[in-house]
Amino acid sequence: MRLILQAIALSFWSAGEASCHNADKEGFIRNSGPMAIRYDQIAERLRAYRVGKGLSSEEVALRLGLSRAAVYRMEKGELIKIETLERVSELLGVSLASLLDAGVEYHSNAVSFLERMRQIELTSERVLAHYEPISFLMTTDAYNEHLRQMLMEAMPATASRAEFKRQVDDVLRILSERKSLVRQRQPNIASVIGLVEIERFLRLGLVGRLDLPPSVQKQRRQAAAIEVERIATLMEQEPVGIQIGLVEGALPSQTFQIFRRAEGALVSVSPYRLGELPNITSGVATVTGAAEAVALHETMFRELWDQSVRGNAGTAILRRLIRKTGP
């Protein structure tokens, strides 16, 4: 098994050219060819998986018998021994291939996935996305606490309340950082939204379960209407860097984002849901830079975008929906 793991580490980037990347006699992965190993990206994935596991750098160091300085160096993107990476992957419950980005990253944890999205957005020049029902990044500040409330209402019956609350706190912290960074950096974001999903969002309201008292449901529907009005206003004002298209037909059941970056495009697909009846506990999200996956998702996005309604026409549709479903 160890030989197989070392083979992955030594040959993944070299495409069969053993002379490009080699492990030195101390077991470090070093570059000796034109294709540079992106230690910084290994470090980003390592941190995302660690955060998703709910471990601090100090806890990782303690469990692996390493110094804290060694763990900090790993997360700064410095040279890493294959043996250490193998032990880290076992501790974090991920494959070495995922840490090394051997094709696809898999995230069975919403916290690690959202942290990874935060990292990728830092270097993204343009984002093409399908969110369901709306993008958290475009919500009001009040939505942060609404989402916390919905997530706690949706807590699985078998979950530890303390552990689930910690996960919710981590999700909200990362999402808040992402929202703040997007507002500061103002990357170019184009988003398609399904009208069927928006209508469901308005009719159910900001709820984590369906058995809430009628008076509470009414309040939650009013809160949902405020969020949809926020989207309508963005479509009307068309602020720099934000484009929104409304689609009447069927949309994919999972959300996706395409990140265009100088170092290469990535596509993420997520089962996690941050709207009404949210989900942060079930499913596996993926991130990949595979050319075919990126191209297929870009084609799908263009087709959805071409059939979408935008600008003032979209604003009018959303406001009619708000009146139609008003509490």
C-alpha atoms as a PDB file:
ATOM      1  CA  MET A   1       0.000   0.000   0.000  1.00  0.00           C
ATOM      2  CA  ARG A   2       2.761   2.400   0.888  1.00  0.00           C
ATOM      3  CA  LEU A   3       4.434   1.809  -2.472  1.00  0.00           C
ATOM      4  CA  ILE A   4       1.154   2.610  -4.211  1.00  0.00           C
ATOM      5  CA  LEU A   5       0.761   5.858  -2.239  1.00  0.00           C
ATOM      6  CA  GLN A   6       4.332   6.868  -3.020  1.00  0.00           C
ATOM      7  CA  ALA A   7       3.729   6.142  -6.693  1.00  0.00           C
ATOM      8  CA  ILE A   8       0.775   8.534  -6.653  1.00  0.00           C
ATOM      9  CA  ALA A   9       2.843  11.238  -5.007  1.00  0.00           C
ATOM     10  CA  LEU A  10       5.812  10.804  -7.327  1.00  0.00           C
ATOM     11  CA  SER A  11       4.101  10.351 -10.658  1.00  0.00           C
ATOM     12  CA  PHE A  12       0.802  12.263 -10.631  1.00  0.00           C
ATOM     13  CA  TRP A  13       2.113  15.552 -11.975  1.00  0.00           C
ATOM     14  CA  SER A  14       4.764  14.087 -14.234  1.00  0.00           C
ATOM     15  CA  ALA A  15       2.387  12.281 -16.640  1.00  0.00           C
ATOM     16  CA  GLY A  16       4.732   9.350 -16.748  1.00  0.00           C
ATOM     17  CA  GLU A  17       7.987  11.311 -16.857  1.00  0.00           C
ATOM     18  CA  ALA A  18       9.891  10.022 -13.842  1.00  0.00           C
ATOM     19  CA  SER A  19      12.556  12.645 -14.301  1.00  0.00           C
ATOM     20  CA  CYS A  20      10.187  15.544 -13.680  1.00  0.00           C
ATOM     21  CA  HIS A  21       9.434  14.978  -9.985  1.00  0.00           C
ATOM     22  CA  ASN A  22      11.281  12.813  -7.539  1.00  0.00           C
ATOM     23  CA  ALA A  23      11.417  12.169  -3.836  1.00  0.00           C
ATOM     24  CA  ASP A  24      14.855  12.881  -2.444  1.00  0.00           C
ATOM     25  CA  LYS A  25      16.667  10.556  -0.088  1.00  0.00           C
ATOM     26  CA  GLU A  26      14.902  12.173   2.889  1.00  0.00           C
ATOM     27  CA  GLY A  27      11.457  11.432   1.445  1.00  0.00           C
ATOM     28  CA  PHE A  28      10.498  14.948   0.324  1.00  0.00           C
ATOM     29  CA  ILE A  29       8.639  15.522  -2.940  1.00  0.00           C
ATOM     30  CA  ARG A  30      10.836  17.878  -4.959  1.00  0.00           C
ATOM     31  CA  ASN A  31      10.513  19.527  -8.362  1.00  0.00           C
ATOM     32  CA  SER A  32      13.119  18.814 -10.991  1.00  0.00           C
ATOM     33  CA  GLY A  33      11.183  19.497 -14.178  1.00  0.00           C
ATOM     34  CA  PRO A  34       9.056  22.175 -15.856  1.00  0.00           C
ATOM     35  CA  MET A  35       5.762  21.219 -14.115  1.00  0.00           C
ATOM     36  CA  ALA A  36       5.838  22.720 -10.635  1.00  0.00           C
ATOM     37  CA  ILE A  37       4.144  20.955  -7.774  1.00  0.00           C
ATOM     38  CA  ARG A  38       1.774  23.446  -6.156  1.00  0.00           C
ATOM     39  CA  TYR A  39       2.627  23.012  -2.490  1.00  0.00           C
ATOM     40  CA  ASP A  40       0.437  26.010  -1.697  1.00  0.00           C
ATOM     41  CA  GLN A  41      -2.588  24.176  -3.097  1.00  0.00           C
ATOM     42  CA  ILE A  42      -1.737  21.011  -1.158  1.00  0.00           C
ATOM     43  CA  ALA A  43      -1.598  23.240   1.928  1.00  0.00           C
ATOM     44  CA  GLU A  44      -5.019  24.754   1.143  1.00  0.00           C
ATOM     45  CA  ARG A  45      -6.623  21.328   0.787  1.00  0.00           C
ATOM     46  CA  LEU A  46      -4.921  20.123   3.965  1.00  0.00           C
ATOM     47  CA  ARG A  47      -6.313  23.079   5.917  1.00  0.00           C
ATOM     48  CA  ALA A  48      -9.814  22.614   4.466  1.00  0.00           C
ATOM     49  CA  TYR A  49      -9.923  18.946   5.458  1.00  0.00           C
ATOM     50  CA  ARG A  50      -8.507  19.763   8.903  1.00  0.00           C
ATOM     51  CA  VAL A  51     -11.130  22.456   9.520  1.00  0.00           C
ATOM     52  CA  GLY A  52     -13.826  20.064   8.319  1.00  0.00           C
ATOM     53  CA  LYS A  53     -12.632  17.495  10.851  1.00  0.00           C
ATOM     54  CA  GLY A  54     -12.918  20.077  13.627  1.00  0.00           C
ATOM     55  CA  LEU A  55      -9.234  19.856  14.533  1.00  0.00           C
ATOM     56  CA  SER A  56      -6.857  22.676  15.373  1.00  0.00           C
ATOM     57  CA  SER A  57      -3.269  22.723  14.141  1.00  0.00           C
ATOM     58  CA  GLU A  58      -2.176  21.942  17.705  1.00  0.00           C
ATOM     59  CA  GLU A  59      -4.422  18.864  17.846  1.00  0.00           C
ATOM     60  CA  VAL A  60      -3.036  17.570  14.548  1.00  0.00           C
ATOM     61  CA  ALA A  61       0.503  18.036  15.826  1.00  0.00           C
ATOM     62  CA  LEU A  62      -0.310  16.241  19.077  1.00  0.00           C
ATOM     63  CA  ARG A  63      -2.011  13.266  17.411  1.00  0.00           C
ATOM     64  CA  LEU A  64       0.778  12.804  14.871  1.00  0.00           C
ATOM     65  CA  GLY A  65       3.610  13.422  17.286  1.00  0.00           C
ATOM     66  CA  LEU A  66       4.832  16.432  15.321  1.00  0.00           C
ATOM     67  CA  SER A  67       5.830  19.887  16.444  1.00  0.00           C
ATOM     68  CA  ARG A  68       3.293  22.675  15.976  1.00  0.00           C
ATOM     69  CA  ALA A  69       5.862  24.414  13.786  1.00  0.00           C
ATOM     70  CA  ALA A  70       5.906  21.410  11.442  1.00  0.00           C
ATOM     71  CA  VAL A  71       2.121  21.551  10.989  1.00  0.00           C
ATOM     72  CA  TYR A  72       2.212  25.308  10.440  1.00  0.00           C
ATOM     73  CA  ARG A  73       4.894  24.827   7.780  1.00  0.00           C
ATOM     74  CA  MET A  74       2.743  22.239   6.011  1.00  0.00           C
ATOM     75  CA  GLU A  75      -0.186  24.664   5.919  1.00  0.00           C
ATOM     76  CA  LYS A  76       2.096  27.410   4.585  1.00  0.00           C
ATOM     77  CA  GLY A  77       2.946  25.240   1.586  1.00  0.00           C
ATOM     78  CA  GLU A  78       6.493  24.256   2.460  1.00  0.00           C
ATOM     79  CA  LEU A  79       8.114  20.915   1.559  1.00  0.00           C
ATOM     80  CA  ILE A  80       6.265  17.906   2.920  1.00  0.00           C
ATOM     81  CA  LYS A  81       7.492  14.346   3.414  1.00  0.00           C
ATOM     82  CA  ILE A  82       5.443  11.659   1.706  1.00  0.00           C
ATOM     83  CA  GLU A  83       5.327   9.717   4.968  1.00  0.00           C
ATOM     84  CA  THR A  84       3.928  12.741   6.810  1.00  0.00           C
ATOM     85  CA  LEU A  85       1.290  13.353   4.132  1.00  0.00           C
ATOM     86  CA  GLU A  86       0.252   9.727   4.378  1.00  0.00           C
ATOM     87  CA  ARG A  87      -0.193  10.015   8.161  1.00  0.00           C
ATOM     88  CA  VAL A  88      -2.076  13.311   7.821  1.00  0.00           C
ATOM     89  CA  SER A  89      -4.457  11.813   5.249  1.00  0.00           C
ATOM     90  CA  GLU A  90      -5.194   8.882   7.585  1.00  0.00           C
ATOM     91  CA  LEU A  91      -5.879  11.252  10.501  1.00  0.00           C
ATOM     92  CA  LEU A  92      -8.199  13.455   8.435  1.00  0.00           C
ATOM     93  CA  GLY A  93     -10.000  10.501   6.865  1.00  0.00           C
ATOM     94  CA  VAL A  94      -9.209  11.437   3.254  1.00  0.00           C
ATOM     95  CA  SER A  95      -7.156   9.739   0.590  1.00  0.00           C
ATOM     96  CA  LEU A  96      -3.643  10.840  -0.215  1.00  0.00           C
ATOM     97  CA  ALA A  97      -4.842  11.278  -3.800  1.00  0.00           C
ATOM     98  CA  SER A  98      -7.382  13.887  -2.637  1.00  0.00           C
ATOM     99  CA  LEU A  99      -4.717  15.816  -0.725  1.00  0.00           C
ATOM    100  CA  LEU A 100      -2.497  15.755  -3.806  1.00  0.00           C
ATOM    101  CA  ASP A 101      -5.383  16.674  -6.144  1.00  0.00           C
ATOM    102  CA  ALA A 102      -5.095  13.496  -8.206  1.00  0.00           C
ATOM    103  CA  GLY A 103      -8.059  14.351 -10.424  1.00  0.00           C
ATOM    104  CA  VAL A 104     -10.951  14.987  -8.006  1.00  0.00           C
ATOM    105  CA  GLU A 105     -11.292  16.231  -4.436  1.00  0.00           C
ATOM    106  CA  TYR A 106     -14.089  14.628  -2.426  1.00  0.00           C
ATOM    107  CA  HIS A 107     -15.690  16.368   0.559  1.00  0.00           C
ATOM    108  CA  SER A 108     -18.157  14.411   2.699  1.00  0.00           C
ATOM    109  CA  ASN A 109     -18.140  17.298   5.152  1.00  0.00           C
ATOM    110  CA  ALA A 110     -19.818  20.647   4.458  1.00  0.00           C
ATOM    111  CA  VAL A 111     -17.296  22.534   6.579  1.00  0.00           C
ATOM    112  CA  SER A 112     -14.262  21.330   4.613  1.00  0.00           C
ATOM    113  CA  PHE A 113     -16.066  21.935   1.315  1.00  0.00           C
ATOM    114  CA  LEU A 114     -17.105  25.496   2.201  1.00  0.00           C
ATOM    115  CA  GLU A 115     -13.606  26.289   3.440  1.00  0.00           C
ATOM    116  CA  ARG A 116     -12.275  25.015   0.112  1.00  0.00           C
ATOM    117  CA  MET A 117     -14.731  27.313  -1.710  1.00  0.00           C
ATOM    118  CA  ARG A 118     -13.459  30.241   0.351  1.00  0.00           C
ATOM    119  CA  GLN A 119      -9.875  29.457  -0.652  1.00  0.00           C
ATOM    120  CA  ILE A 120     -10.693  29.096  -4.352  1.00  0.00           C
ATOM    121  CA  GLU A 121     -12.737  32.307  -4.452  1.00  0.00           C
ATOM    122  CA  LEU A 122      -9.676  34.241  -3.258  1.00  0.00           C
ATOM    123  CA  THR A 123      -7.968  33.649  -6.611  1.00  0.00           C
ATOM    124  CA  SER A 124     -11.021  33.535  -8.888  1.00  0.00           C
ATOM    125  CA  GLU A 125     -11.527  36.222 -11.502  1.00  0.00           C
ATOM    126  CA  ARG A 126     -14.988  35.024 -12.570  1.00  0.00           C
ATOM    127  CA  VAL A 127     -17.509  32.613 -11.084  1.00  0.00           C
ATOM    128  CA  LEU A 128     -20.350  30.976 -13.020  1.00  0.00           C
ATOM    129  CA  ALA A 129     -22.841  29.348 -10.695  1.00  0.00           C
ATOM    130  CA  HIS A 130     -26.138  27.633 -10.116  1.00  0.00           C
ATOM    131  CA  TYR A 131     -27.277  28.027  -6.513  1.00  0.00           C
ATOM    132  CA  GLU A 132     -30.427  26.600  -4.995  1.00  0.00           C
ATOM    133  CA  PRO A 133     -32.536  28.481  -4.164  1.00  0.00           C
ATOM    134  CA  ILE A 134     -30.339  31.607  -3.864  1.00  0.00           C
ATOM    135  CA  SER A 135     -26.682  32.360  -3.304  1.00  0.00           C
ATOM    136  CA  PHE A 136     -25.716  32.971   0.315  1.00  0.00           C
ATOM    137  CA  LEU A 137     -23.150  35.442  -0.996  1.00  0.00           C
ATOM    138  CA  MET A 138     -25.991  37.667  -2.257  1.00  0.00           C
ATOM    139  CA  THR A 139     -28.215  37.479   0.829  1.00  0.00           C
ATOM    140  CA  THR A 140     -28.804  40.194   3.405  1.00  0.00           C
ATOM    141  CA  ASP A 141     -26.728  40.285   6.573  1.00  0.00           C
ATOM    142  CA  ALA A 142     -29.807  39.178   8.511  1.00  0.00           C
ATOM    143  CA  TYR A 143     -29.802  35.900   6.588  1.00  0.00           C
ATOM    144  CA  ASN A 144     -26.775  34.700   8.564  1.00  0.00           C
ATOM    145  CA  GLU A 145     -28.833  34.274  11.722  1.00  0.00           C
ATOM    146  CA  HIS A 146     -31.841  32.986   9.796  1.00  0.00           C
ATOM    147  CA  LEU A 147     -29.631  30.231   8.401  1.00  0.00           C
ATOM    148  CA  ARG A 148     -28.307  29.392  11.857  1.00  0.00           C
ATOM    149  CA  GLN A 149     -31.874  29.048  13.102  1.00  0.00           C
ATOM    150  CA  MET A 150     -32.890  26.844  10.152  1.00  0.00           C
ATOM    151  CA  LEU A 151     -29.852  24.606  10.532  1.00  0.00           C
ATOM    152  CA  MET A 152     -30.518  24.023  14.230  1.00  0.00           C
ATOM    153  CA  GLU A 153     -34.160  23.213  13.431  1.00  0.00           C
ATOM    154  CA  ALA A 154     -32.950  20.705  10.839  1.00  0.00           C
ATOM    155  CA  MET A 155     -30.533  18.974  13.215  1.00  0.00           C
ATOM    156  CA  PRO A 156     -30.715  15.178  12.741  1.00  0.00           C
ATOM    157  CA  ALA A 157     -32.385  13.380  15.642  1.00  0.00           C
ATOM    158  CA  THR A 158     -29.322  11.195  16.168  1.00  0.00           C
ATOM    159  CA  ALA A 159     -26.818  14.056  16.217  1.00  0.00           C
ATOM    160  CA  SER A 160     -25.021  15.337  19.293  1.00  0.00           C
ATOM    161  CA  ARG A 161     -26.354  18.854  19.858  1.00  0.00           C
ATOM    162  CA  ALA A 162     -22.969  20.175  20.993  1.00  0.00           C
ATOM    163  CA  GLU A 163     -21.147  18.666  18.017  1.00  0.00           C
ATOM    164  CA  PHE A 164     -23.805  19.794  15.543  1.00  0.00           C
ATOM    165  CA  LYS A 165     -23.753  23.326  16.978  1.00  0.00           C
ATOM    166  CA  ARG A 166     -19.970  23.404  16.524  1.00  0.00           C
ATOM    167  CA  GLN A 167     -20.444  22.381  12.888  1.00  0.00           C
ATOM    168  CA  VAL A 168     -23.092  25.086  12.390  1.00  0.00           C
ATOM    169  CA  ASP A 169     -20.795  27.680  13.978  1.00  0.00           C
ATOM    170  CA  ASP A 170     -17.986  26.660  11.611  1.00  0.00           C
ATOM    171  CA  VAL A 171     -20.290  26.812   8.574  1.00  0.00           C
ATOM    172  CA  LEU A 172     -21.559  30.290   9.497  1.00  0.00           C
ATOM    173  CA  ARG A 173     -18.057  31.572  10.212  1.00  0.00           C
ATOM    174  CA  ILE A 174     -16.754  30.420   6.825  1.00  0.00           C
ATOM    175  CA  LEU A 175     -19.827  31.662   4.957  1.00  0.00           C
ATOM    176  CA  SER A 176     -19.580  35.074   6.648  1.00  0.00           C
ATOM    177  CA  GLU A 177     -15.907  35.297   5.645  1.00  0.00           C
ATOM    178  CA  ARG A 178     -16.821  34.376   2.065  1.00  0.00           C
ATOM    179  CA  LYS A 179     -19.563  37.000   1.910  1.00  0.00           C
ATOM    180  CA  SER A 180     -17.199  39.651   3.272  1.00  0.00           C
ATOM    181  CA  LEU A 181     -14.413  38.715   0.849  1.00  0.00           C
ATOM    182  CA  VAL A 182     -16.747  38.787  -2.162  1.00  0.00           C
ATOM    183  CA  ARG A 183     -17.920  42.263  -1.197  1.00  0.00           C
ATOM    184  CA  GLN A 184     -14.317  43.441  -0.859  1.00  0.00           C
ATOM    185  CA  ARG A 185     -12.895  41.805  -3.990  1.00  0.00           C
ATOM    186  CA  GLN A 186     -15.992  42.144  -6.183  1.00  0.00           C
ATOM    187  CA  PRO A 187     -15.221  39.232  -8.513  1.00  0.00           C
ATOM    188  CA  ASN A 188     -17.388  38.836 -11.591  1.00  0.00           C
ATOM    189  CA  ILE A 189     -20.252  36.502 -10.612  1.00  0.00           C
ATOM    190  CA  ALA A 190     -22.909  35.203 -12.996  1.00  0.00           C
ATOM    191  CA  SER A 191     -25.628  33.129 -11.348  1.00  0.00           C
ATOM    192  CA  VAL A 192     -28.632  31.240 -12.677  1.00  0.00           C
ATOM    193  CA  ILE A 193     -31.593  30.741 -10.351  1.00  0.00           C
ATOM    194  CA  GLY A 194     -34.619  28.509 -10.898  1.00  0.00           C
ATOM    195  CA  LEU A 195     -38.030  30.135 -10.600  1.00  0.00           C
ATOM    196  CA  VAL A 196     -39.544  26.902  -9.275  1.00  0.00           C
ATOM    197  CA  GLU A 197     -36.980  26.900  -6.454  1.00  0.00           C
ATOM    198  CA  ILE A 198     -37.674  30.565  -5.699  1.00  0.00           C
ATOM    199  CA  GLU A 199     -41.419  29.950  -5.472  1.00  0.00           C
ATOM    200  CA  ARG A 200     -40.867  27.039  -3.088  1.00  0.00           C
ATOM    201  CA  PHE A 201     -38.528  29.246  -1.041  1.00  0.00           C
ATOM    202  CA  LEU A 202     -41.254  31.890  -0.753  1.00  0.00           C
ATOM    203  CA  ARG A 203     -44.061  29.443   0.045  1.00  0.00           C
ATOM    204  CA  LEU A 204     -42.175  27.518   2.725  1.00  0.00           C
ATOM    205  CA  GLY A 205     -40.247  30.444   4.170  1.00  0.00           C
ATOM    206  CA  LEU A 206     -36.967  30.264   6.076  1.00  0.00           C
ATOM    207  CA  VAL A 207     -37.712  27.023   7.893  1.00  0.00           C
ATOM    208  CA  GLY A 208     -35.610  24.087   8.973  1.00  0.00           C
ATOM    209  CA  ARG A 209     -38.597  21.778   9.384  1.00  0.00           C
ATOM    210  CA  LEU A 210     -42.254  21.749   8.345  1.00  0.00           C
ATOM    211  CA  ASP A 211     -44.035  21.424  11.709  1.00  0.00           C
ATOM    212  CA  LEU A 212     -43.568  24.994  12.960  1.00  0.00           C
ATOM    213  CA  PRO A 213     -46.599  26.901  14.328  1.00  0.00           C
ATOM    214  CA  PRO A 214     -48.583  28.880  11.715  1.00  0.00           C
ATOM    215  CA  SER A 215     -47.571  32.225  13.243  1.00  0.00           C
ATOM    216  CA  VAL A 216     -43.885  31.291  12.988  1.00  0.00           C
ATOM    217  CA  GLN A 217     -44.331  30.044   9.422  1.00  0.00           C
ATOM    218  CA  LYS A 218     -45.843  33.400   8.476  1.00  0.00           C
ATOM    219  CA  GLN A 219     -42.839  35.257   9.929  1.00  0.00           C
ATOM    220  CA  ARG A 220     -40.470  32.968   8.064  1.00  0.00           C
ATOM    221  CA  ARG A 221     -42.285  33.534   4.764  1.00  0.00           C
ATOM    222  CA  GLN A 222     -41.957  37.276   5.315  1.00  0.00           C
ATOM    223  CA  ALA A 223     -38.219  36.818   5.889  1.00  0.00           C
ATOM    224  CA  ALA A 224     -37.944  34.815   2.661  1.00  0.00           C
ATOM    225  CA  ALA A 225     -39.757  37.585   0.773  1.00  0.00           C
ATOM    226  CA  ILE A 226     -37.130  40.067   1.992  1.00  0.00           C
ATOM    227  CA  GLU A 227     -34.376  37.886   0.562  1.00  0.00           C
ATOM    228  CA  VAL A 228     -36.111  37.527  -2.803  1.00  0.00           C
ATOM    229  CA  GLU A 229     -36.681  41.291  -2.897  1.00  0.00           C
ATOM    230  CA  ARG A 230     -32.919  41.640  -2.337  1.00  0.00           C
ATOM    231  CA  ILE A 231     -32.315  39.525  -5.462  1.00  0.00           C
ATOM    232  CA  ALA A 232     -34.891  41.561  -7.392  1.00  0.00           C
ATOM    233  CA  THR A 233     -33.109  44.779  -6.404  1.00  0.00           C
ATOM    234  CA  LEU A 234     -29.738  43.394  -7.503  1.00  0.00           C
ATOM    235  CA  MET A 235     -31.250  42.476 -10.879  1.00  0.00           C
ATOM    236  CA  GLU A 236     -32.752  45.926 -11.175  1.00  0.00           C
ATOM    237  CA  GLN A 237     -29.624  47.855 -10.199  1.00  0.00           C
ATOM    238  CA  GLU A 238     -27.117  45.497 -11.859  1.00  0.00           C
ATOM    239  CA  PRO A 239     -24.150  46.358  -9.622  1.00  0.00           C
ATOM    240  CA  VAL A 240     -20.700  45.908 -11.102  1.00  0.00           C
ATOM    241  CA  GLY A 241     -19.633  42.272 -11.149  1.00  0.00           C
ATOM    242  CA  ILE A 242     -23.037  40.681 -10.422  1.00  0.00           C
ATOM    243  CA  GLN A 243     -25.278  39.146 -13.093  1.00  0.00           C
ATOM    244  CA  ILE A 244     -28.374  37.080 -12.301  1.00  0.00           C
ATOM    245  CA  GLY A 245     -30.543  35.080 -14.681  1.00  0.00           C
ATOM    246  CA  LEU A 246     -33.903  33.451 -13.876  1.00  0.00           C
ATOM    247  CA  VAL A 247     -34.656  30.106 -15.494  1.00  0.00           C
ATOM    248  CA  GLU A 248     -38.195  28.730 -15.808  1.00  0.00           C
ATOM    249  CA  GLY A 249     -37.291  25.186 -16.819  1.00  0.00           C
ATOM    250  CA  ALA A 250     -35.712  22.351 -14.916  1.00  0.00           C
ATOM    251  CA  LEU A 251     -32.318  22.941 -13.308  1.00  0.00           C
ATOM    252  CA  PRO A 252     -29.761  20.423 -12.009  1.00  0.00           C
ATOM    253  CA  SER A 253     -30.663  18.877  -8.662  1.00  0.00           C
ATOM    254  CA  GLN A 254     -27.221  19.744  -7.289  1.00  0.00           C
ATOM    255  CA  THR A 255     -25.611  23.162  -7.284  1.00  0.00           C
ATOM    256  CA  PHE A 256     -22.382  23.848  -9.127  1.00  0.00           C
ATOM    257  CA  GLN A 257     -19.813  26.594  -9.483  1.00  0.00           C
ATOM    258  CA  ILE A 258     -17.214  27.152 -12.200  1.00  0.00           C
ATOM    259  CA  PHE A 259     -14.194  29.146 -11.073  1.00  0.00           C
ATOM    260  CA  ARG A 260     -12.101  30.846 -13.726  1.00  0.00           C
ATOM    261  CA  ARG A 261      -8.612  31.486 -12.405  1.00  0.00           C
ATOM    262  CA  ALA A 262      -5.225  32.395 -13.851  1.00  0.00           C
ATOM    263  CA  GLU A 263      -3.848  29.045 -12.668  1.00  0.00           C
ATOM    264  CA  GLY A 264      -6.648  27.059 -14.302  1.00  0.00           C
ATOM    265  CA  ALA A 265     -10.414  26.603 -14.065  1.00  0.00           C
ATOM    266  CA  LEU A 266     -12.116  24.460 -11.447  1.00  0.00           C
ATOM    267  CA  VAL A 267     -15.662  23.171 -11.104  1.00  0.00           C
ATOM    268  CA  SER A 268     -17.365  22.224  -7.843  1.00  0.00           C
ATOM    269  CA  VAL A 269     -20.585  20.244  -7.430  1.00  0.00           C
ATOM    270  CA  SER A 270     -22.382  20.281  -4.094  1.00  0.00           C
ATOM    271  CA  PRO A 271     -25.307  18.445  -2.453  1.00  0.00           C
ATOM    272  CA  TYR A 272     -25.307  20.879   0.467  1.00  0.00           C
ATOM    273  CA  ARG A 273     -28.229  23.260   0.742  1.00  0.00           C
ATOM    274  CA  LEU A 274     -28.283  26.661   2.439  1.00  0.00           C
ATOM    275  CA  GLY A 275     -31.871  27.682   1.787  1.00  0.00           C
ATOM    276  CA  GLU A 276     -35.145  26.450   3.288  1.00  0.00           C
ATOM    277  CA  LEU A 277     -34.904  22.916   4.719  1.00  0.00           C
ATOM    278  CA  PRO A 278     -31.103  23.190   4.670  1.00  0.00           C
ATOM    279  CA  ASN A 279     -28.651  20.306   4.573  1.00  0.00           C
ATOM    280  CA  ILE A 280     -25.037  20.324   5.758  1.00  0.00           C
ATOM    281  CA  THR A 281     -24.821  16.701   6.913  1.00  0.00           C
ATOM    282  CA  SER A 282     -25.609  14.470   3.960  1.00  0.00           C
ATOM    283  CA  GLY A 283     -23.855  14.040   0.628  1.00  0.00           C
ATOM    284  CA  VAL A 284     -20.450  14.247  -1.014  1.00  0.00           C
ATOM    285  CA  ALA A 285     -19.227  17.394  -2.776  1.00  0.00           C
ATOM    286  CA  THR A 286     -16.526  17.339  -5.443  1.00  0.00           C
ATOM    287  CA  VAL A 287     -13.952  19.771  -6.801  1.00  0.00           C
ATOM    288  CA  THR A 288     -12.017  19.101  -9.993  1.00  0.00           C
ATOM    289  CA  GLY A 289      -9.938  20.828 -12.605  1.00  0.00           C
ATOM    290  CA  ALA A 290     -10.472  18.087 -15.191  1.00  0.00           C
ATOM    291  CA  ALA A 291     -10.853  19.773 -18.579  1.00  0.00           C
ATOM    292  CA  GLU A 292     -13.830  17.640 -19.608  1.00  0.00           C
ATOM    293  CA  ALA A 293     -15.752  18.350 -16.391  1.00  0.00           C
ATOM    294  CA  VAL A 294     -15.110  22.090 -16.674  1.00  0.00           C
ATOM    295  CA  ALA A 295     -16.117  22.151 -20.357  1.00  0.00           C
ATOM    296  CA  LEU A 296     -19.339  20.185 -19.780  1.00  0.00           C
ATOM    297  CA  HIS A 297     -20.417  22.442 -16.924  1.00  0.00           C
ATOM    298  CA  GLU A 298     -19.565  25.576 -18.898  1.00  0.00           C
ATOM    299  CA  THR A 299     -21.697  24.315 -21.789  1.00  0.00           C
ATOM    300  CA  MET A 300     -24.571  23.585 -19.402  1.00  0.00           C
ATOM    301  CA  PHE A 301     -24.244  27.024 -17.824  1.00  0.00           C
ATOM    302  CA  ARG A 302     -24.261  28.786 -21.216  1.00  0.00           C
ATOM    303  CA  GLU A 303     -27.417  26.934 -22.238  1.00  0.00           C
ATOM    304  CA  LEU A 304     -29.151  27.917 -18.996  1.00  0.00           C
ATOM    305  CA  TRP A 305     -27.903  31.499 -19.261  1.00  0.00           C
ATOM    306  CA  ASP A 306     -29.126  31.872 -22.845  1.00  0.00           C
ATOM    307  CA  GLN A 307     -32.670  30.889 -21.838  1.00  0.00           C
ATOM    308  CA  SER A 308     -32.720  32.974 -18.657  1.00  0.00           C
ATOM    309  CA  VAL A 309     -34.582  36.234 -18.004  1.00  0.00           C
ATOM    310  CA  ARG A 310     -32.386  39.079 -16.759  1.00  0.00           C
ATOM    311  CA  GLY A 311     -32.467  42.737 -15.756  1.00  0.00           C
ATOM    312  CA  ASN A 312     -35.745  44.590 -15.247  1.00  0.00           C
ATOM    313  CA  ALA A 313     -37.779  41.752 -16.770  1.00  0.00           C
ATOM    314  CA  GLY A 314     -36.417  39.391 -14.119  1.00  0.00           C
ATOM    315  CA  THR A 315     -37.074  41.940 -11.390  1.00  0.00           C
ATOM    316  CA  ALA A 316     -40.724  42.180 -12.431  1.00  0.00           C
ATOM    317  CA  ILE A 317     -41.110  38.380 -12.353  1.00  0.00           C
ATOM    318  CA  LEU A 318     -39.682  38.122  -8.845  1.00  0.00           C
ATOM    319  CA  ARG A 319     -41.881  40.884  -7.489  1.00  0.00           C
ATOM    320  CA  ARG A 320     -44.965  39.255  -8.997  1.00  0.00           C
ATOM    321  CA  LEU A 321     -43.950  36.019  -7.265  1.00  0.00           C
ATOM    322  CA  ILE A 322     -43.587  37.845  -3.953  1.00  0.00           C
ATOM    323  CA  ARG A 323     -47.101  39.276  -4.275  1.00  0.00           C
ATOM    324  CA  LYS A 324     -48.515  35.937  -5.419  1.00  0.00           C
ATOM    325  CA  THR A 325     -47.094  33.992  -2.469  1.00  0.00           C
ATOM    326  CA  GLY A 326     -47.352  36.744   0.137  1.00  0.00           C
ATOM    327  CA  PRO A 327     -48.234  35.627   3.677  1.00  0.00           C
END
